[in-house]
Amino acid sequence: MQISRTTAARSNRAQDHSQLSRALAHLPTAFTIVRKHVDLAAWFAAGGGLLIAAAVALSLWWNRARRRPAPATGADP
């Protein structure tokens, strides 16, 4: 929608070759390419921070103190 407002776009319906030729004759012959710089460094830093936090949490969980199971007190025949 923004492109059509910016370029004042129109819709042309062609039924035959002559109408199509007239519609194509009104199209611009030059195009302008606009490049937008997007900074992704913050997203990569955030992802790296999450990976480090997950690694620390898993390391603490893996190296936690484990309790031994209680011995069975019942006598088996």
PDB file of N, CA and C in Angstrom:
ATOM      1  N   MET A   1       0.821  -1.180   0.000  1.00  0.00           N
ATOM      2  CA  MET A   1       0.000   0.000   0.000  1.00  0.00           C
ATOM      3  C   MET A   1       0.874   1.257   0.000  1.00  0.00           C
ATOM      4  N   GLN A   2       1.937   1.258   0.797  1.00  0.00           N
ATOM      5  CA  GLN A   2       2.815   2.425   0.847  1.00  0.00           C
ATOM      6  C   GLN A   2       3.517   2.631  -0.495  1.00  0.00           C
ATOM      7  N   ILE A   3       3.884   1.541  -1.155  1.00  0.00           N
ATOM      8  CA  ILE A   3       4.544   1.661  -2.458  1.00  0.00           C
ATOM      9  C   ILE A   3       3.603   2.291  -3.464  1.00  0.00           C
ATOM     10  N   SER A   4       2.346   1.880  -3.454  1.00  0.00           N
ATOM     11  CA  SER A   4       1.403   2.444  -4.419  1.00  0.00           C
ATOM     12  C   SER A   4       1.147   3.924  -4.147  1.00  0.00           C
ATOM     13  N   ARG A   5       1.142   4.328  -2.874  1.00  0.00           N
ATOM     14  CA  ARG A   5       0.954   5.751  -2.575  1.00  0.00           C
ATOM     15  C   ARG A   5       2.188   6.556  -2.969  1.00  0.00           C
ATOM     16  N   THR A   6       3.355   5.997  -2.742  1.00  0.00           N
ATOM     17  CA  THR A   6       4.592   6.715  -3.050  1.00  0.00           C
ATOM     18  C   THR A   6       4.783   6.881  -4.553  1.00  0.00           C
ATOM     19  N   THR A   7       4.471   5.851  -5.287  1.00  0.00           N
ATOM     20  CA  THR A   7       4.707   5.880  -6.732  1.00  0.00           C
ATOM     21  C   THR A   7       3.485   6.311  -7.528  1.00  0.00           C
ATOM     22  N   ALA A   8       2.378   6.599  -6.871  1.00  0.00           N
ATOM     23  CA  ALA A   8       1.115   6.940  -7.547  1.00  0.00           C
ATOM     24  C   ALA A   8       0.742   5.842  -8.535  1.00  0.00           C
ATOM     25  N   ALA A   9       0.760   4.630  -8.060  1.00  0.00           N
ATOM     26  CA  ALA A   9       0.514   3.474  -8.914  1.00  0.00           C
ATOM     27  C   ALA A   9      -0.936   3.426  -9.374  1.00  0.00           C
ATOM     28  N   ARG A  10      -1.083   2.899 -10.569  1.00  0.00           N
ATOM     29  CA  ARG A  10      -2.404   2.718 -11.145  1.00  0.00           C
ATOM     30  C   ARG A  10      -2.517   1.285 -11.629  1.00  0.00           C
ATOM     31  N   SER A  11      -3.725   0.807 -11.702  1.00  0.00           N
ATOM     32  CA  SER A  11      -3.991  -0.521 -12.230  1.00  0.00           C
ATOM     33  C   SER A  11      -4.523  -0.372 -13.645  1.00  0.00           C
ATOM     34  N   ASN A  12      -3.950  -1.098 -14.582  1.00  0.00           N
ATOM     35  CA  ASN A  12      -4.385  -1.054 -15.982  1.00  0.00           C
ATOM     36  C   ASN A  12      -4.791  -2.451 -16.413  1.00  0.00           C
ATOM     37  N   ARG A  13      -5.989  -2.562 -16.916  1.00  0.00           N
ATOM     38  CA  ARG A  13      -6.475  -3.850 -17.404  1.00  0.00           C
ATOM     39  C   ARG A  13      -6.445  -3.815 -18.930  1.00  0.00           C
ATOM     40  N   ALA A  14      -5.717  -4.731 -19.529  1.00  0.00           N
ATOM     41  CA  ALA A  14      -5.566  -4.758 -20.983  1.00  0.00           C
ATOM     42  C   ALA A  14      -6.318  -5.968 -21.543  1.00  0.00           C
ATOM     43  N   GLN A  15      -7.114  -5.713 -22.564  1.00  0.00           N
ATOM     44  CA  GLN A  15      -7.877  -6.786 -23.202  1.00  0.00           C
ATOM     45  C   GLN A  15      -7.181  -7.315 -24.457  1.00  0.00           C
ATOM     46  N   ASP A  16      -6.326  -6.490 -25.057  1.00  0.00           N
ATOM     47  CA  ASP A  16      -5.637  -6.926 -26.265  1.00  0.00           C
ATOM     48  C   ASP A  16      -4.231  -6.322 -26.308  1.00  0.00           C
ATOM     49  N   HIS A  17      -3.519  -6.586 -27.389  1.00  0.00           N
ATOM     50  CA  HIS A  17      -2.135  -6.167 -27.515  1.00  0.00           C
ATOM     51  C   HIS A  17      -1.982  -4.647 -27.517  1.00  0.00           C
ATOM     52  N   SER A  18      -2.864  -3.949 -28.157  1.00  0.00           N
ATOM     53  CA  SER A  18      -2.727  -2.488 -28.237  1.00  0.00           C
ATOM     54  C   SER A  18      -2.944  -1.834 -26.871  1.00  0.00           C
ATOM     55  N   GLN A  19      -3.897  -2.322 -26.107  1.00  0.00           N
ATOM     56  CA  GLN A  19      -4.111  -1.780 -24.765  1.00  0.00           C
ATOM     57  C   GLN A  19      -2.916  -2.094 -23.858  1.00  0.00           C
ATOM     58  N   LEU A  20      -2.349  -3.275 -24.010  1.00  0.00           N
ATOM     59  CA  LEU A  20      -1.178  -3.643 -23.216  1.00  0.00           C
ATOM     60  C   LEU A  20       0.017  -2.766 -23.585  1.00  0.00           C
ATOM     61  N   SER A  21       0.202  -2.485 -24.849  1.00  0.00           N
ATOM     62  CA  SER A  21       1.304  -1.625 -25.288  1.00  0.00           C
ATOM     63  C   SER A  21       1.151  -0.216 -24.738  1.00  0.00           C
ATOM     64  N   ARG A  22      -0.074   0.306 -24.723  1.00  0.00           N
ATOM     65  CA  ARG A  22      -0.303   1.643 -24.160  1.00  0.00           C
ATOM     66  C   ARG A  22      -0.044   1.657 -22.656  1.00  0.00           C
ATOM     67  N   ALA A  23      -0.446   0.606 -21.960  1.00  0.00           N
ATOM     68  CA  ALA A  23      -0.231   0.544 -20.509  1.00  0.00           C
ATOM     69  C   ALA A  23       1.263   0.459 -20.196  1.00  0.00           C
ATOM     70  N   LEU A  24       2.000  -0.338 -20.969  1.00  0.00           N
ATOM     71  CA  LEU A  24       3.437  -0.477 -20.737  1.00  0.00           C
ATOM     72  C   LEU A  24       4.200   0.780 -21.122  1.00  0.00           C
ATOM     73  N   ALA A  25       3.676   1.553 -22.032  1.00  0.00           N
ATOM     74  CA  ALA A  25       4.344   2.786 -22.441  1.00  0.00           C
ATOM     75  C   ALA A  25       4.329   3.831 -21.330  1.00  0.00           C
ATOM     76  N   HIS A  26       3.366   3.744 -20.428  1.00  0.00           N
ATOM     77  CA  HIS A  26       3.263   4.714 -19.337  1.00  0.00           C
ATOM     78  C   HIS A  26       4.094   4.335 -18.114  1.00  0.00           C
ATOM     79  N   LEU A  27       4.714   3.172 -18.141  1.00  0.00           N
ATOM     80  CA  LEU A  27       5.529   2.754 -16.999  1.00  0.00           C
ATOM     81  C   LEU A  27       6.857   3.506 -17.011  1.00  0.00           C
ATOM     82  N   PRO A  28       7.414   3.771 -15.821  1.00  0.00           N
ATOM     83  CA  PRO A  28       8.720   4.455 -15.776  1.00  0.00           C
ATOM     84  C   PRO A  28       9.818   3.524 -16.288  1.00  0.00           C
ATOM     85  N   THR A  29      10.844   4.122 -16.859  1.00  0.00           N
ATOM     86  CA  THR A  29      11.938   3.322 -17.409  1.00  0.00           C
ATOM     87  C   THR A  29      13.120   3.222 -16.454  1.00  0.00           C
ATOM     88  N   ALA A  30      13.107   3.963 -15.363  1.00  0.00           N
ATOM     89  CA  ALA A  30      14.215   3.925 -14.406  1.00  0.00           C
ATOM     90  C   ALA A  30      13.689   3.502 -13.037  1.00  0.00           C
ATOM     91  N   PHE A  31      14.495   2.755 -12.328  1.00  0.00           N
ATOM     92  CA  PHE A  31      14.143   2.295 -10.987  1.00  0.00           C
ATOM     93  C   PHE A  31      15.180   2.808  -9.999  1.00  0.00           C
ATOM     94  N   THR A  32      14.741   3.056  -8.797  1.00  0.00           N
ATOM     95  CA  THR A  32      15.641   3.478  -7.733  1.00  0.00           C
ATOM     96  C   THR A  32      15.643   2.399  -6.658  1.00  0.00           C
ATOM     97  N   ILE A  33      16.815   1.935  -6.312  1.00  0.00           N
ATOM     98  CA  ILE A  33      16.948   0.916  -5.271  1.00  0.00           C
ATOM     99  C   ILE A  33      17.389   1.612  -3.994  1.00  0.00           C
ATOM    100  N   VAL A  34      16.641   1.380  -2.942  1.00  0.00           N
ATOM    101  CA  VAL A  34      16.948   1.967  -1.634  1.00  0.00           C
ATOM    102  C   VAL A  34      17.376   0.832  -0.718  1.00  0.00           C
ATOM    103  N   ARG A  35      18.577   0.940  -0.191  1.00  0.00           N
ATOM    104  CA  ARG A  35      19.081  -0.077   0.735  1.00  0.00           C
ATOM    105  C   ARG A  35      19.005   0.475   2.157  1.00  0.00           C
ATOM    106  N   LYS A  36      18.543  -0.355   3.065  1.00  0.00           N
ATOM    107  CA  LYS A  36      18.405   0.048   4.460  1.00  0.00           C
ATOM    108  C   LYS A  36      19.347  -0.808   5.303  1.00  0.00           C
ATOM    109  N   HIS A  37      20.190  -0.154   6.098  1.00  0.00           N
ATOM    110  CA  HIS A  37      21.130  -0.849   6.964  1.00  0.00           C
ATOM    111  C   HIS A  37      20.419  -1.246   8.256  1.00  0.00           C
ATOM    112  N   VAL A  38      20.467  -2.517   8.582  1.00  0.00           N
ATOM    113  CA  VAL A  38      19.847  -3.025   9.798  1.00  0.00           C
ATOM    114  C   VAL A  38      20.949  -3.599  10.677  1.00  0.00           C
ATOM    115  N   ASP A  39      21.056  -3.100  11.896  1.00  0.00           N
ATOM    116  CA  ASP A  39      22.096  -3.544  12.814  1.00  0.00           C
ATOM    117  C   ASP A  39      21.618  -4.778  13.576  1.00  0.00           C
ATOM    118  N   LEU A  40      22.286  -5.885  13.370  1.00  0.00           N
ATOM    119  CA  LEU A  40      21.906  -7.146  14.005  1.00  0.00           C
ATOM    120  C   LEU A  40      22.816  -7.515  15.174  1.00  0.00           C
ATOM    121  N   ALA A  41      23.789  -6.688  15.478  1.00  0.00           N
ATOM    122  CA  ALA A  41      24.749  -7.020  16.525  1.00  0.00           C
ATOM    123  C   ALA A  41      24.069  -7.191  17.877  1.00  0.00           C
ATOM    124  N   ALA A  42      23.094  -6.372  18.179  1.00  0.00           N
ATOM    125  CA  ALA A  42      22.400  -6.473  19.470  1.00  0.00           C
ATOM    126  C   ALA A  42      21.660  -7.802  19.587  1.00  0.00           C
ATOM    127  N   TRP A  43      21.070  -8.266  18.484  1.00  0.00           N
ATOM    128  CA  TRP A  43      20.358  -9.551  18.530  1.00  0.00           C
ATOM    129  C   TRP A  43      21.336 -10.707  18.732  1.00  0.00           C
ATOM    130  N   PHE A  44      22.482 -10.652  18.079  1.00  0.00           N
ATOM    131  CA  PHE A  44      23.473 -11.707  18.280  1.00  0.00           C
ATOM    132  C   PHE A  44      24.035 -11.678  19.698  1.00  0.00           C
ATOM    133  N   ALA A  45      24.231 -10.495  20.252  1.00  0.00           N
ATOM    134  CA  ALA A  45      24.722 -10.386  21.632  1.00  0.00           C
ATOM    135  C   ALA A  45      23.691 -10.938  22.615  1.00  0.00           C
ATOM    136  N   ALA A  46      22.431 -10.641  22.386  1.00  0.00           N
ATOM    137  CA  ALA A  46      21.372 -11.157  23.262  1.00  0.00           C
ATOM    138  C   ALA A  46      21.294 -12.684  23.171  1.00  0.00           C
ATOM    139  N   GLY A  47      21.400 -13.207  21.966  1.00  0.00           N
ATOM    140  CA  GLY A  47      21.385 -14.665  21.803  1.00  0.00           C
ATOM    141  C   GLY A  47      22.578 -15.318  22.483  1.00  0.00           C
ATOM    142  N   GLY A  48      23.748 -14.696  22.357  1.00  0.00           N
ATOM    143  CA  GLY A  48      24.932 -15.222  23.035  1.00  0.00           C
ATOM    144  C   GLY A  48      24.791 -15.180  24.544  1.00  0.00           C
ATOM    145  N   GLY A  49      24.205 -14.108  25.062  1.00  0.00           N
ATOM    146  CA  GLY A  49      23.973 -14.017  26.507  1.00  0.00           C
ATOM    147  C   GLY A  49      23.028 -15.097  27.003  1.00  0.00           C
ATOM    148  N   LEU A  50      21.986 -15.374  26.216  1.00  0.00           N
ATOM    149  CA  LEU A  50      21.058 -16.447  26.596  1.00  0.00           C
ATOM    150  C   LEU A  50      21.745 -17.808  26.576  1.00  0.00           C
ATOM    151  N   LEU A  51      22.602 -18.036  25.595  1.00  0.00           N
ATOM    152  CA  LEU A  51      23.332 -19.306  25.548  1.00  0.00           C
ATOM    153  C   LEU A  51      24.282 -19.448  26.729  1.00  0.00           C
ATOM    154  N   ILE A  52      24.944 -18.376  27.119  1.00  0.00           N
ATOM    155  CA  ILE A  52      25.846 -18.422  28.275  1.00  0.00           C
ATOM    156  C   ILE A  52      25.048 -18.677  29.553  1.00  0.00           C
ATOM    157  N   ALA A  53      23.913 -18.006  29.714  1.00  0.00           N
ATOM    158  CA  ALA A  53      23.081 -18.220  30.903  1.00  0.00           C
ATOM    159  C   ALA A  53      22.590 -19.658  30.962  1.00  0.00           C
ATOM    160  N   ALA A  54      22.184 -20.217  29.817  1.00  0.00           N
ATOM    161  CA  ALA A  54      21.738 -21.611  29.793  1.00  0.00           C
ATOM    162  C   ALA A  54      22.893 -22.550  30.126  1.00  0.00           C
ATOM    163  N   ALA A  55      24.095 -22.264  29.640  1.00  0.00           N
ATOM    164  CA  ALA A  55      25.250 -23.108  29.930  1.00  0.00           C
ATOM    165  C   ALA A  55      25.589 -23.081  31.417  1.00  0.00           C
ATOM    166  N   VAL A  56      25.535 -21.914  32.029  1.00  0.00           N
ATOM    167  CA  VAL A  56      25.818 -21.809  33.473  1.00  0.00           C
ATOM    168  C   VAL A  56      24.756 -22.560  34.272  1.00  0.00           C
ATOM    169  N   ALA A  57      23.489 -22.385  33.917  1.00  0.00           N
ATOM    170  CA  ALA A  57      22.410 -23.070  34.640  1.00  0.00           C
ATOM    171  C   ALA A  57      22.531 -24.580  34.507  1.00  0.00           C
ATOM    172  N   LEU A  58      22.823 -25.062  33.315  1.00  0.00           N
ATOM    173  CA  LEU A  58      22.978 -26.508  33.132  1.00  0.00           C
ATOM    174  C   LEU A  58      24.215 -27.037  33.852  1.00  0.00           C
ATOM    175  N   SER A  59      25.271 -26.265  33.897  1.00  0.00           N
ATOM    176  CA  SER A  59      26.475 -26.682  34.613  1.00  0.00           C
ATOM    177  C   SER A  59      26.202 -26.801  36.117  1.00  0.00           C
ATOM    178  N   LEU A  60      25.497 -25.812  36.659  1.00  0.00           N
ATOM    179  CA  LEU A  60      25.160 -25.880  38.083  1.00  0.00           C
ATOM    180  C   LEU A  60      24.232 -27.052  38.379  1.00  0.00           C
ATOM    181  N   TRP A  61      23.304 -27.331  37.471  1.00  0.00           N
ATOM    182  CA  TRP A  61      22.375 -28.443  37.687  1.00  0.00           C
ATOM    183  C   TRP A  61      23.113 -29.773  37.569  1.00  0.00           C
ATOM    184  N   TRP A  62      24.017 -29.890  36.615  1.00  0.00           N
ATOM    185  CA  TRP A  62      24.733 -31.146  36.410  1.00  0.00           C
ATOM    186  C   TRP A  62      25.660 -31.458  37.585  1.00  0.00           C
ATOM    187  N   ASN A  63      26.290 -30.446  38.161  1.00  0.00           N
ATOM    188  CA  ASN A  63      27.250 -30.643  39.248  1.00  0.00           C
ATOM    189  C   ASN A  63      26.631 -30.467  40.630  1.00  0.00           C
ATOM    190  N   ARG A  64      25.331 -30.603  40.726  1.00  0.00           N
ATOM    191  CA  ARG A  64      24.653 -30.439  42.021  1.00  0.00           C
ATOM    192  C   ARG A  64      24.979 -31.630  42.929  1.00  0.00           C
ATOM    193  N   ALA A  65      24.802 -31.433  44.229  1.00  0.00           N
ATOM    194  CA  ALA A  65      25.039 -32.508  45.195  1.00  0.00           C
ATOM    195  C   ALA A  65      23.856 -33.467  45.126  1.00  0.00           C
ATOM    196  N   ARG A  66      24.151 -34.720  44.957  1.00  0.00           N
ATOM    197  CA  ARG A  66      23.097 -35.731  44.847  1.00  0.00           C
ATOM    198  C   ARG A  66      23.021 -36.513  46.153  1.00  0.00           C
ATOM    199  N   ARG A  67      21.809 -36.777  46.582  1.00  0.00           N
ATOM    200  CA  ARG A  67      21.620 -37.585  47.794  1.00  0.00           C
ATOM    201  C   ARG A  67      21.531 -39.048  47.408  1.00  0.00           C
ATOM    202  N   ARG A  68      22.097 -39.889  48.257  1.00  0.00           N
ATOM    203  CA  ARG A  68      22.017 -41.327  48.010  1.00  0.00           C
ATOM    204  C   ARG A  68      20.623 -41.807  48.412  1.00  0.00           C
ATOM    205  N   PRO A  69      20.116 -42.781  47.706  1.00  0.00           N
ATOM    206  CA  PRO A  69      18.783 -43.290  48.088  1.00  0.00           C
ATOM    207  C   PRO A  69      18.856 -43.999  49.433  1.00  0.00           C
ATOM    208  N   ALA A  70      17.766 -43.879  50.169  1.00  0.00           N
ATOM    209  CA  ALA A  70      17.702 -44.499  51.486  1.00  0.00           C
ATOM    210  C   ALA A  70      17.721 -46.017  51.337  1.00  0.00           C
ATOM    211  N   PRO A  71      18.469 -46.716  52.221  1.00  0.00           N
ATOM    212  CA  PRO A  71      18.499 -48.184  52.123  1.00  0.00           C
ATOM    213  C   PRO A  71      17.143 -48.763  52.490  1.00  0.00           C
ATOM    214  N   ALA A  72      16.845 -49.890  51.894  1.00  0.00           N
ATOM    215  CA  ALA A  72      15.574 -50.570  52.163  1.00  0.00           C
ATOM    216  C   ALA A  72      15.641 -51.173  53.554  1.00  0.00           C
ATOM    217  N   THR A  73      14.598 -50.954  54.341  1.00  0.00           N
ATOM    218  CA  THR A  73      14.588 -51.457  55.717  1.00  0.00           C
ATOM    219  C   THR A  73      13.808 -52.748  55.846  1.00  0.00           C
ATOM    220  N   GLY A  74      13.029 -53.085  54.907  1.00  0.00           N
ATOM    221  CA  GLY A  74      12.232 -54.312  54.976  1.00  0.00           C
ATOM    222  C   GLY A  74      13.065 -55.536  54.655  1.00  0.00           C
ATOM    223  N   ALA A  75      12.755 -56.629  55.312  1.00  0.00           N
ATOM    224  CA  ALA A  75      13.495 -57.877  55.076  1.00  0.00           C
ATOM    225  C   ALA A  75      12.824 -58.632  53.942  1.00  0.00           C
ATOM    226  N   ASP A  76      13.615 -59.031  52.980  1.00  0.00           N
ATOM    227  CA  ASP A  76      13.075 -59.823  51.877  1.00  0.00           C
ATOM    228  C   ASP A  76      13.309 -61.294  52.172  1.00  0.00           C
ATOM    229  N   PRO A  77      12.313 -62.139  51.946  1.00  0.00           N
ATOM    230  CA  PRO A  77      12.525 -63.581  52.221  1.00  0.00           C
ATOM    231  C   PRO A  77      13.372 -64.280  51.196  1.00  0.00           C
TER     232      PRO A  77
END
